[in-house]
PDB file of all heavy atoms in Angstrom:
ATOM      1  N   GLY A   1       1.504   1.257  12.157  1.00  0.00           N
ATOM      2  CA  GLY A   1       0.542   2.218  12.677  1.00  0.00           C
ATOM      3  C   GLY A   1      -0.861   1.892  12.199  1.00  0.00           C
ATOM      4  O   GLY A   1      -1.130   0.767  11.785  1.00  0.00           O
ATOM      5  N   PRO A   2      -1.762   2.876  12.202  1.00  0.00           N
ATOM      6  CA  PRO A   2      -3.173   2.630  11.910  1.00  0.00           C
ATOM      7  C   PRO A   2      -3.606   2.775  10.445  1.00  0.00           C
ATOM      8  O   PRO A   2      -4.728   2.423  10.096  1.00  0.00           O
ATOM      9  CB  PRO A   2      -3.873   3.688  12.759  1.00  0.00           C
ATOM     10  CG  PRO A   2      -2.917   4.844  12.744  1.00  0.00           C
ATOM     11  CD  PRO A   2      -1.539   4.210  12.761  1.00  0.00           C
ATOM     12  N   VAL A   3      -2.759   3.301   9.580  1.00  0.00           N
ATOM     13  CA  VAL A   3      -3.172   3.601   8.206  1.00  0.00           C
ATOM     14  C   VAL A   3      -3.098   2.338   7.346  1.00  0.00           C
ATOM     15  O   VAL A   3      -2.046   1.704   7.254  1.00  0.00           O
ATOM     16  CB  VAL A   3      -2.293   4.722   7.606  1.00  0.00           C
ATOM     17  CG1 VAL A   3      -2.646   4.973   6.145  1.00  0.00           C
ATOM     18  CG2 VAL A   3      -2.442   5.998   8.418  1.00  0.00           C
ATOM     19  N   PRO A   4      -4.222   1.968   6.708  1.00  0.00           N
ATOM     20  CA  PRO A   4      -4.246   0.753   5.880  1.00  0.00           C
ATOM     21  C   PRO A   4      -3.275   0.827   4.705  1.00  0.00           C
ATOM     22  O   PRO A   4      -3.007   1.891   4.167  1.00  0.00           O
ATOM     23  CB  PRO A   4      -5.690   0.701   5.350  1.00  0.00           C
ATOM     24  CG  PRO A   4      -6.470   1.647   6.171  1.00  0.00           C
ATOM     25  CD  PRO A   4      -5.510   2.661   6.710  1.00  0.00           C
ATOM     26  N   VAL A   5      -2.775  -0.344   4.331  1.00  0.00           N
ATOM     27  CA  VAL A   5      -1.894  -0.470   3.167  1.00  0.00           C
ATOM     28  C   VAL A   5      -2.616  -1.311   2.121  1.00  0.00           C
ATOM     29  O   VAL A   5      -3.136  -2.383   2.419  1.00  0.00           O
ATOM     30  CB  VAL A   5      -0.550  -1.135   3.547  1.00  0.00           C
ATOM     31  CG1 VAL A   5       0.290  -1.400   2.307  1.00  0.00           C
ATOM     32  CG2 VAL A   5       0.210  -0.270   4.542  1.00  0.00           C
ATOM     33  N   LEU A   6      -2.660  -0.796   0.902  1.00  0.00           N
ATOM     34  CA  LEU A   6      -3.220  -1.534  -0.231  1.00  0.00           C
ATOM     35  C   LEU A   6      -2.094  -1.873  -1.193  1.00  0.00           C
ATOM     36  O   LEU A   6      -1.181  -1.074  -1.392  1.00  0.00           O
ATOM     37  CB  LEU A   6      -4.250  -0.687  -0.995  1.00  0.00           C
ATOM     38  CG  LEU A   6      -5.496  -0.241  -0.261  1.00  0.00           C
ATOM     39  CD1 LEU A   6      -6.379   0.563  -1.202  1.00  0.00           C
ATOM     40  CD2 LEU A   6      -6.249  -1.407   0.289  1.00  0.00           C
ATOM     41  N   VAL A   7      -2.182  -3.043  -1.781  1.00  0.00           N
ATOM     42  CA  VAL A   7      -1.249  -3.436  -2.828  1.00  0.00           C
ATOM     43  C   VAL A   7      -2.019  -3.390  -4.140  1.00  0.00           C
ATOM     44  O   VAL A   7      -3.098  -3.980  -4.248  1.00  0.00           O
ATOM     45  CB  VAL A   7      -0.674  -4.846  -2.565  1.00  0.00           C
ATOM     46  CG1 VAL A   7       0.235  -5.261  -3.701  1.00  0.00           C
ATOM     47  CG2 VAL A   7       0.060  -4.882  -1.233  1.00  0.00           C
ATOM     48  N   ALA A   8      -1.490  -2.667  -5.098  1.00  0.00           N
ATOM     49  CA  ALA A   8      -2.125  -2.552  -6.415  1.00  0.00           C
ATOM     50  C   ALA A   8      -1.361  -3.422  -7.407  1.00  0.00           C
ATOM     51  O   ALA A   8      -0.140  -3.325  -7.510  1.00  0.00           O
ATOM     52  CB  ALA A   8      -2.137  -1.100  -6.876  1.00  0.00           C
ATOM     53  N   VAL A   9      -2.088  -4.282  -8.095  1.00  0.00           N
ATOM     54  CA  VAL A   9      -1.488  -5.140  -9.116  1.00  0.00           C
ATOM     55  C   VAL A   9      -2.347  -5.087 -10.368  1.00  0.00           C
ATOM     56  O   VAL A   9      -3.541  -4.783 -10.307  1.00  0.00           O
ATOM     57  CB  VAL A   9      -1.351  -6.607  -8.628  1.00  0.00           C
ATOM     58  CG1 VAL A   9      -0.358  -6.705  -7.487  1.00  0.00           C
ATOM     59  CG2 VAL A   9      -2.680  -7.173  -8.205  1.00  0.00           C
ATOM     60  N   ARG A  10      -1.727  -5.377 -11.499  1.00  0.00           N
ATOM     61  CA  ARG A  10      -2.477  -5.420 -12.767  1.00  0.00           C
ATOM     62  C   ARG A  10      -2.936  -6.839 -13.004  1.00  0.00           C
ATOM     63  O   ARG A  10      -2.168  -7.783 -12.885  1.00  0.00           O
ATOM     64  CB  ARG A  10      -1.611  -4.950 -13.914  1.00  0.00           C
ATOM     65  CG  ARG A  10      -1.255  -3.502 -13.706  1.00  0.00           C
ATOM     66  CD  ARG A  10      -1.219  -2.600 -14.864  1.00  0.00           C
ATOM     67  NE  ARG A  10      -2.200  -2.498 -15.867  1.00  0.00           N
ATOM     68  CZ  ARG A  10      -3.261  -1.663 -15.840  1.00  0.00           C
ATOM     69  NH1 ARG A  10      -3.510  -0.951 -14.797  1.00  0.00           N
ATOM     70  NH2 ARG A  10      -4.046  -1.561 -16.871  1.00  0.00           N
ATOM     71  N   GLU A  11      -4.224  -6.974 -13.305  1.00  0.00           N
ATOM     72  CA  GLU A  11      -4.788  -8.293 -13.593  1.00  0.00           C
ATOM     73  C   GLU A  11      -5.772  -8.147 -14.745  1.00  0.00           C
ATOM     74  O   GLU A  11      -6.719  -7.363 -14.672  1.00  0.00           O
ATOM     75  CB  GLU A  11      -5.507  -8.826 -12.346  1.00  0.00           C
ATOM     76  CG  GLU A  11      -6.042 -10.232 -12.525  1.00  0.00           C
ATOM     77  CD  GLU A  11      -6.631 -10.772 -11.240  1.00  0.00           C
ATOM     78  OE1 GLU A  11      -5.872 -11.025 -10.305  1.00  0.00           O
ATOM     79  OE2 GLU A  11      -7.871 -10.919 -11.195  1.00  0.00           O
ATOM     80  N   ASN A  12      -5.522  -8.886 -15.824  1.00  0.00           N
ATOM     81  CA  ASN A  12      -6.376  -8.838 -17.012  1.00  0.00           C
ATOM     82  C   ASN A  12      -6.587  -7.412 -17.509  1.00  0.00           C
ATOM     83  O   ASN A  12      -7.688  -7.027 -17.869  1.00  0.00           O
ATOM     84  CB  ASN A  12      -7.729  -9.496 -16.730  1.00  0.00           C
ATOM     85  CG  ASN A  12      -7.591 -10.959 -16.389  1.00  0.00           C
ATOM     86  OD1 ASN A  12      -6.707 -11.639 -16.893  1.00  0.00           O
ATOM     87  ND2 ASN A  12      -8.456 -11.451 -15.521  1.00  0.00           N
ATOM     88  N   GLY A  13      -5.528  -6.602 -17.486  1.00  0.00           N
ATOM     89  CA  GLY A  13      -5.598  -5.242 -18.007  1.00  0.00           C
ATOM     90  C   GLY A  13      -6.180  -4.223 -17.050  1.00  0.00           C
ATOM     91  O   GLY A  13      -6.249  -3.046 -17.372  1.00  0.00           O
ATOM     92  N   SER A  14      -6.613  -4.633 -15.873  1.00  0.00           N
ATOM     93  CA  SER A  14      -7.177  -3.716 -14.886  1.00  0.00           C
ATOM     94  C   SER A  14      -6.286  -3.673 -13.658  1.00  0.00           C
ATOM     95  O   SER A  14      -5.590  -4.635 -13.350  1.00  0.00           O
ATOM     96  CB  SER A  14      -8.570  -4.172 -14.452  1.00  0.00           C
ATOM     97  OG  SER A  14      -9.447  -4.171 -15.535  1.00  0.00           O
ATOM     98  N   GLU A  15      -6.349  -2.550 -12.947  1.00  0.00           N
ATOM     99  CA  GLU A  15      -5.617  -2.453 -11.692  1.00  0.00           C
ATOM    100  C   GLU A  15      -6.530  -2.912 -10.560  1.00  0.00           C
ATOM    101  O   GLU A  15      -7.666  -2.458 -10.444  1.00  0.00           O
ATOM    102  CB  GLU A  15      -5.162  -1.014 -11.461  1.00  0.00           C
ATOM    103  CG  GLU A  15      -4.143  -0.897 -10.366  1.00  0.00           C
ATOM    104  CD  GLU A  15      -3.390   0.412 -10.444  1.00  0.00           C
ATOM    105  OE1 GLU A  15      -3.978   1.438 -10.066  1.00  0.00           O
ATOM    106  OE2 GLU A  15      -2.234   0.396 -10.886  1.00  0.00           O
ATOM    107  N   VAL A  16      -6.027  -3.840  -9.752  1.00  0.00           N
ATOM    108  CA  VAL A  16      -6.788  -4.414  -8.646  1.00  0.00           C
ATOM    109  C   VAL A  16      -6.100  -4.018  -7.347  1.00  0.00           C
ATOM    110  O   VAL A  16      -4.881  -4.095  -7.230  1.00  0.00           O
ATOM    111  CB  VAL A  16      -6.836  -5.957  -8.769  1.00  0.00           C
ATOM    112  CG1 VAL A  16      -7.567  -6.576  -7.597  1.00  0.00           C
ATOM    113  CG2 VAL A  16      -7.481  -6.367 -10.082  1.00  0.00           C
ATOM    114  N   TYR A  17      -6.902  -3.576  -6.364  1.00  0.00           N
ATOM    115  CA  TYR A  17      -6.380  -3.180  -5.055  1.00  0.00           C
ATOM    116  C   TYR A  17      -6.687  -4.261  -4.036  1.00  0.00           C
ATOM    117  O   TYR A  17      -7.830  -4.676  -3.885  1.00  0.00           O
ATOM    118  CB  TYR A  17      -7.010  -1.865  -4.592  1.00  0.00           C
ATOM    119  CG  TYR A  17      -6.650  -0.711  -5.499  1.00  0.00           C
ATOM    120  CD1 TYR A  17      -7.454  -0.375  -6.573  1.00  0.00           C
ATOM    121  CD2 TYR A  17      -5.502   0.042  -5.274  1.00  0.00           C
ATOM    122  CE1 TYR A  17      -7.133   0.688  -7.408  1.00  0.00           C
ATOM    123  CE2 TYR A  17      -5.164   1.101  -6.110  1.00  0.00           C
ATOM    124  CZ  TYR A  17      -5.987   1.415  -7.160  1.00  0.00           C
ATOM    125  OH  TYR A  17      -5.654   2.451  -7.982  1.00  0.00           O
ATOM    126  N   ILE A  18      -5.648  -4.691  -3.323  1.00  0.00           N
ATOM    127  CA  ILE A  18      -5.793  -5.724  -2.301  1.00  0.00           C
ATOM    128  C   ILE A  18      -5.365  -5.116  -0.971  1.00  0.00           C
ATOM    129  O   ILE A  18      -4.224  -4.656  -0.836  1.00  0.00           O
ATOM    130  CB  ILE A  18      -4.921  -6.946  -2.623  1.00  0.00           C
ATOM    131  CG1 ILE A  18      -5.290  -7.494  -4.003  1.00  0.00           C
ATOM    132  CG2 ILE A  18      -5.052  -8.010  -1.538  1.00  0.00           C
ATOM    133  CD1 ILE A  18      -4.254  -8.430  -4.585  1.00  0.00           C
ATOM    134  N   LYS A  19      -6.277  -5.106  -0.002  1.00  0.00           N
ATOM    135  CA  LYS A  19      -5.947  -4.549   1.314  1.00  0.00           C
ATOM    136  C   LYS A  19      -5.112  -5.564   2.091  1.00  0.00           C
ATOM    137  O   LYS A  19      -5.486  -6.724   2.225  1.00  0.00           O
ATOM    138  CB  LYS A  19      -7.211  -4.207   2.089  1.00  0.00           C
ATOM    139  CG  LYS A  19      -6.923  -3.540   3.418  1.00  0.00           C
ATOM    140  CD  LYS A  19      -8.195  -3.125   4.103  1.00  0.00           C
ATOM    141  CE  LYS A  19      -7.891  -2.480   5.443  1.00  0.00           C
ATOM    142  NZ  LYS A  19      -9.109  -2.095   6.139  1.00  0.00           N
ATOM    143  N   SER A  20      -3.976  -5.096   2.598  1.00  0.00           N
ATOM    144  CA  SER A  20      -3.091  -5.964   3.363  1.00  0.00           C
ATOM    145  C   SER A  20      -3.695  -6.259   4.728  1.00  0.00           C
ATOM    146  O   SER A  20      -4.160  -5.358   5.417  1.00  0.00           O
ATOM    147  CB  SER A  20      -1.729  -5.288   3.540  1.00  0.00           C
ATOM    148  OG  SER A  20      -0.926  -6.052   4.416  1.00  0.00           O
ATOM    149  N   ARG A  21      -3.669  -7.513   5.114  1.00  0.00           N
ATOM    150  CA  ARG A  21      -4.102  -7.896   6.460  1.00  0.00           C
ATOM    151  C   ARG A  21      -2.963  -7.750   7.455  1.00  0.00           C
ATOM    152  O   ARG A  21      -3.189  -7.613   8.648  1.00  0.00           O
ATOM    153  CB  ARG A  21      -4.593  -9.338   6.470  1.00  0.00           C
ATOM    154  CG  ARG A  21      -5.873  -9.524   5.708  1.00  0.00           C
ATOM    155  CD  ARG A  21      -6.355 -10.942   5.824  1.00  0.00           C
ATOM    156  NE  ARG A  21      -7.524 -11.126   4.988  1.00  0.00           N
ATOM    157  CZ  ARG A  21      -8.103 -12.280   4.813  1.00  0.00           C
ATOM    158  NH1 ARG A  21      -7.627 -13.362   5.395  1.00  0.00           N
ATOM    159  NH2 ARG A  21      -9.161 -12.383   4.046  1.00  0.00           N
ATOM    160  N   ARG A  22      -1.748  -7.790   6.955  1.00  0.00           N
ATOM    161  CA  ARG A  22      -0.574  -7.758   7.837  1.00  0.00           C
ATOM    162  C   ARG A  22      -0.060  -6.353   8.094  1.00  0.00           C
ATOM    163  O   ARG A  22       0.405  -6.035   9.178  1.00  0.00           O
ATOM    164  CB  ARG A  22       0.541  -8.601   7.240  1.00  0.00           C
ATOM    165  CG  ARG A  22       1.792  -8.529   8.065  1.00  0.00           C
ATOM    166  CD  ARG A  22       2.872  -9.434   7.591  1.00  0.00           C
ATOM    167  NE  ARG A  22       4.060  -9.219   8.418  1.00  0.00           N
ATOM    168  CZ  ARG A  22       5.202  -9.766   8.191  1.00  0.00           C
ATOM    169  NH1 ARG A  22       5.353 -10.584   7.177  1.00  0.00           N
ATOM    170  NH2 ARG A  22       6.224  -9.518   8.961  1.00  0.00           N
ATOM    171  N   TYR A  23      -0.124  -5.486   7.080  1.00  0.00           N
ATOM    172  CA  TYR A  23       0.539  -4.194   7.186  1.00  0.00           C
ATOM    173  C   TYR A  23      -0.446  -3.035   7.322  1.00  0.00           C
ATOM    174  O   TYR A  23      -1.443  -2.962   6.608  1.00  0.00           O
ATOM    175  CB  TYR A  23       1.424  -3.938   5.963  1.00  0.00           C
ATOM    176  CG  TYR A  23       2.552  -4.925   5.843  1.00  0.00           C
ATOM    177  CD1 TYR A  23       2.471  -5.998   4.973  1.00  0.00           C
ATOM    178  CD2 TYR A  23       3.690  -4.790   6.630  1.00  0.00           C
ATOM    179  CE1 TYR A  23       3.507  -6.913   4.882  1.00  0.00           C
ATOM    180  CE2 TYR A  23       4.726  -5.707   6.541  1.00  0.00           C
ATOM    181  CZ  TYR A  23       4.627  -6.765   5.671  1.00  0.00           C
ATOM    182  OH  TYR A  23       5.641  -7.674   5.581  1.00  0.00           O
ATOM    183  N   ALA A  24      -0.125  -2.157   8.255  1.00  0.00           N
ATOM    184  CA  ALA A  24      -0.748  -0.845   8.423  1.00  0.00           C
ATOM    185  C   ALA A  24       0.381   0.036   8.951  1.00  0.00           C
ATOM    186  O   ALA A  24       1.264  -0.444   9.665  1.00  0.00           O
ATOM    187  CB  ALA A  24      -1.920  -0.903   9.385  1.00  0.00           C
ATOM    188  N   VAL A  25       0.376   1.309   8.596  1.00  0.00           N
ATOM    189  CA  VAL A  25       1.538   2.152   8.877  1.00  0.00           C
ATOM    190  C   VAL A  25       1.147   3.498   9.480  1.00  0.00           C
ATOM    191  O   VAL A  25      -0.007   3.926   9.404  1.00  0.00           O
ATOM    192  CB  VAL A  25       2.348   2.409   7.585  1.00  0.00           C
ATOM    193  CG1 VAL A  25       2.927   1.125   7.032  1.00  0.00           C
ATOM    194  CG2 VAL A  25       1.514   3.120   6.542  1.00  0.00           C
ATOM    195  N   ASN A  26       2.148   4.148  10.058  1.00  0.00           N
ATOM    196  CA  ASN A  26       2.051   5.566  10.396  1.00  0.00           C
ATOM    197  C   ASN A  26       2.505   6.313   9.156  1.00  0.00           C
ATOM    198  O   ASN A  26       3.567   6.008   8.609  1.00  0.00           O
ATOM    199  CB  ASN A  26       2.975   5.926  11.565  1.00  0.00           C
ATOM    200  CG  ASN A  26       2.374   5.575  12.899  1.00  0.00           C
ATOM    201  OD1 ASN A  26       1.211   5.877  13.158  1.00  0.00           O
ATOM    202  ND2 ASN A  26       3.148   4.933  13.745  1.00  0.00           N
ATOM    203  N   LEU A  27       1.713   7.276   8.715  1.00  0.00           N
ATOM    204  CA  LEU A  27       2.116   8.046   7.537  1.00  0.00           C
ATOM    205  C   LEU A  27       3.296   8.923   7.891  1.00  0.00           C
ATOM    206  O   LEU A  27       3.282   9.628   8.894  1.00  0.00           O
ATOM    207  CB  LEU A  27       0.959   8.912   7.044  1.00  0.00           C
ATOM    208  CG  LEU A  27      -0.149   8.164   6.345  1.00  0.00           C
ATOM    209  CD1 LEU A  27      -1.203   9.136   5.861  1.00  0.00           C
ATOM    210  CD2 LEU A  27       0.387   7.359   5.186  1.00  0.00           C
ATOM    211  N   ASP A  28       4.294   8.859   7.076  1.00  0.00           N
ATOM    212  CA  ASP A  28       5.527   9.597   7.317  1.00  0.00           C
ATOM    213  C   ASP A  28       6.188   9.816   5.964  1.00  0.00           C
ATOM    214  O   ASP A  28       6.277   8.884   5.165  1.00  0.00           O
ATOM    215  CB  ASP A  28       6.416   8.773   8.252  1.00  0.00           C
ATOM    216  CG  ASP A  28       7.646   9.525   8.684  1.00  0.00           C
ATOM    217  OD1 ASP A  28       8.525   9.776   7.828  1.00  0.00           O
ATOM    218  OD2 ASP A  28       7.733   9.851   9.875  1.00  0.00           O
ATOM    219  N   PHE A  29       6.657  11.036   5.726  1.00  0.00           N
ATOM    220  CA  PHE A  29       7.298  11.305   4.435  1.00  0.00           C
ATOM    221  C   PHE A  29       8.565  10.492   4.259  1.00  0.00           C
ATOM    222  O   PHE A  29       8.950  10.155   3.153  1.00  0.00           O
ATOM    223  CB  PHE A  29       7.576  12.803   4.261  1.00  0.00           C
ATOM    224  CG  PHE A  29       6.340  13.583   3.924  1.00  0.00           C
ATOM    225  CD1 PHE A  29       5.804  14.477   4.820  1.00  0.00           C
ATOM    226  CD2 PHE A  29       5.708  13.391   2.706  1.00  0.00           C
ATOM    227  CE1 PHE A  29       4.658  15.182   4.513  1.00  0.00           C
ATOM    228  CE2 PHE A  29       4.555  14.079   2.394  1.00  0.00           C
ATOM    229  CZ  PHE A  29       4.031  14.990   3.302  1.00  0.00           C
ATOM    230  N   GLN A  30       9.227  10.150   5.356  1.00  0.00           N
ATOM    231  CA  GLN A  30      10.422   9.311   5.270  1.00  0.00           C
ATOM    232  C   GLN A  30      10.057   7.942   4.695  1.00  0.00           C
ATOM    233  O   GLN A  30      10.759   7.411   3.836  1.00  0.00           O
ATOM    234  CB  GLN A  30      11.055   9.164   6.652  1.00  0.00           C
ATOM    235  CG  GLN A  30      12.355   8.399   6.639  1.00  0.00           C
ATOM    236  CD  GLN A  30      12.941   8.266   8.042  1.00  0.00           C
ATOM    237  OE1 GLN A  30      12.402   8.769   9.018  1.00  0.00           O
ATOM    238  NE2 GLN A  30      14.058   7.568   8.126  1.00  0.00           N
ATOM    239  N   LEU A  31       8.946   7.372   5.154  1.00  0.00           N
ATOM    240  CA  LEU A  31       8.474   6.088   4.626  1.00  0.00           C
ATOM    241  C   LEU A  31       8.102   6.224   3.157  1.00  0.00           C
ATOM    242  O   LEU A  31       8.531   5.430   2.323  1.00  0.00           O
ATOM    243  CB  LEU A  31       7.274   5.582   5.433  1.00  0.00           C
ATOM    244  CG  LEU A  31       6.543   4.371   4.844  1.00  0.00           C
ATOM    245  CD1 LEU A  31       7.449   3.151   4.775  1.00  0.00           C
ATOM    246  CD2 LEU A  31       5.293   4.066   5.653  1.00  0.00           C
ATOM    247  N   LEU A  32       7.299   7.217   2.836  1.00  0.00           N
ATOM    248  CA  LEU A  32       6.849   7.402   1.458  1.00  0.00           C
ATOM    249  C   LEU A  32       8.033   7.592   0.515  1.00  0.00           C
ATOM    250  O   LEU A  32       8.096   6.969  -0.546  1.00  0.00           O
ATOM    251  CB  LEU A  32       5.894   8.597   1.388  1.00  0.00           C
ATOM    252  CG  LEU A  32       4.979   8.687   0.194  1.00  0.00           C
ATOM    253  CD1 LEU A  32       4.146   7.427   0.016  1.00  0.00           C
ATOM    254  CD2 LEU A  32       4.080   9.895   0.301  1.00  0.00           C
ATOM    255  N   ASN A  33       8.993   8.404   0.924  1.00  0.00           N
ATOM    256  CA  ASN A  33      10.172   8.636   0.081  1.00  0.00           C
ATOM    257  C   ASN A  33      11.008   7.369  -0.074  1.00  0.00           C
ATOM    258  O   ASN A  33      11.518   7.091  -1.163  1.00  0.00           O
ATOM    259  CB  ASN A  33      11.011   9.782   0.644  1.00  0.00           C
ATOM    260  CG  ASN A  33      10.340  11.122   0.458  1.00  0.00           C
ATOM    261  OD1 ASN A  33       9.514  11.302  -0.439  1.00  0.00           O
ATOM    262  ND2 ASN A  33      10.671  12.063   1.315  1.00  0.00           N
ATOM    263  N   ALA A  34      11.152   6.589   0.991  1.00  0.00           N
ATOM    264  CA  ALA A  34      11.922   5.341   0.914  1.00  0.00           C
ATOM    265  C   ALA A  34      11.247   4.363  -0.040  1.00  0.00           C
ATOM    266  O   ALA A  34      11.914   3.701  -0.842  1.00  0.00           O
ATOM    267  CB  ALA A  34      12.067   4.726   2.298  1.00  0.00           C
ATOM    268  N   LEU A  35       9.920   4.267   0.033  1.00  0.00           N
ATOM    269  CA  LEU A  35       9.194   3.358  -0.861  1.00  0.00           C
ATOM    270  C   LEU A  35       9.321   3.804  -2.314  1.00  0.00           C
ATOM    271  O   LEU A  35       9.511   2.981  -3.209  1.00  0.00           O
ATOM    272  CB  LEU A  35       7.721   3.275  -0.452  1.00  0.00           C
ATOM    273  CG  LEU A  35       7.448   2.588   0.886  1.00  0.00           C
ATOM    274  CD1 LEU A  35       5.981   2.743   1.265  1.00  0.00           C
ATOM    275  CD2 LEU A  35       7.846   1.131   0.846  1.00  0.00           C
ATOM    276  N   LYS A  36       9.234   5.110  -2.555  1.00  0.00           N
ATOM    277  CA  LYS A  36       9.377   5.616  -3.922  1.00  0.00           C
ATOM    278  C   LYS A  36      10.775   5.350  -4.462  1.00  0.00           C
ATOM    279  O   LYS A  36      10.947   5.030  -5.626  1.00  0.00           O
ATOM    280  CB  LYS A  36       9.060   7.116  -3.961  1.00  0.00           C
ATOM    281  CG  LYS A  36       7.598   7.410  -3.812  1.00  0.00           C
ATOM    282  CD  LYS A  36       7.335   8.891  -3.876  1.00  0.00           C
ATOM    283  CE  LYS A  36       5.847   9.172  -3.825  1.00  0.00           C
ATOM    284  NZ  LYS A  36       5.548  10.582  -4.085  1.00  0.00           N
TER     285      LYS A  36
END
């Protein structure tokens, strides 16, 4: 869907956010719960 996906990773003690070029989603509690 249209909602951007960011991947958060730790680098040198800081959290870095990387915007995915491939993935964007429809927000859905089913998706959020499955990911959790």
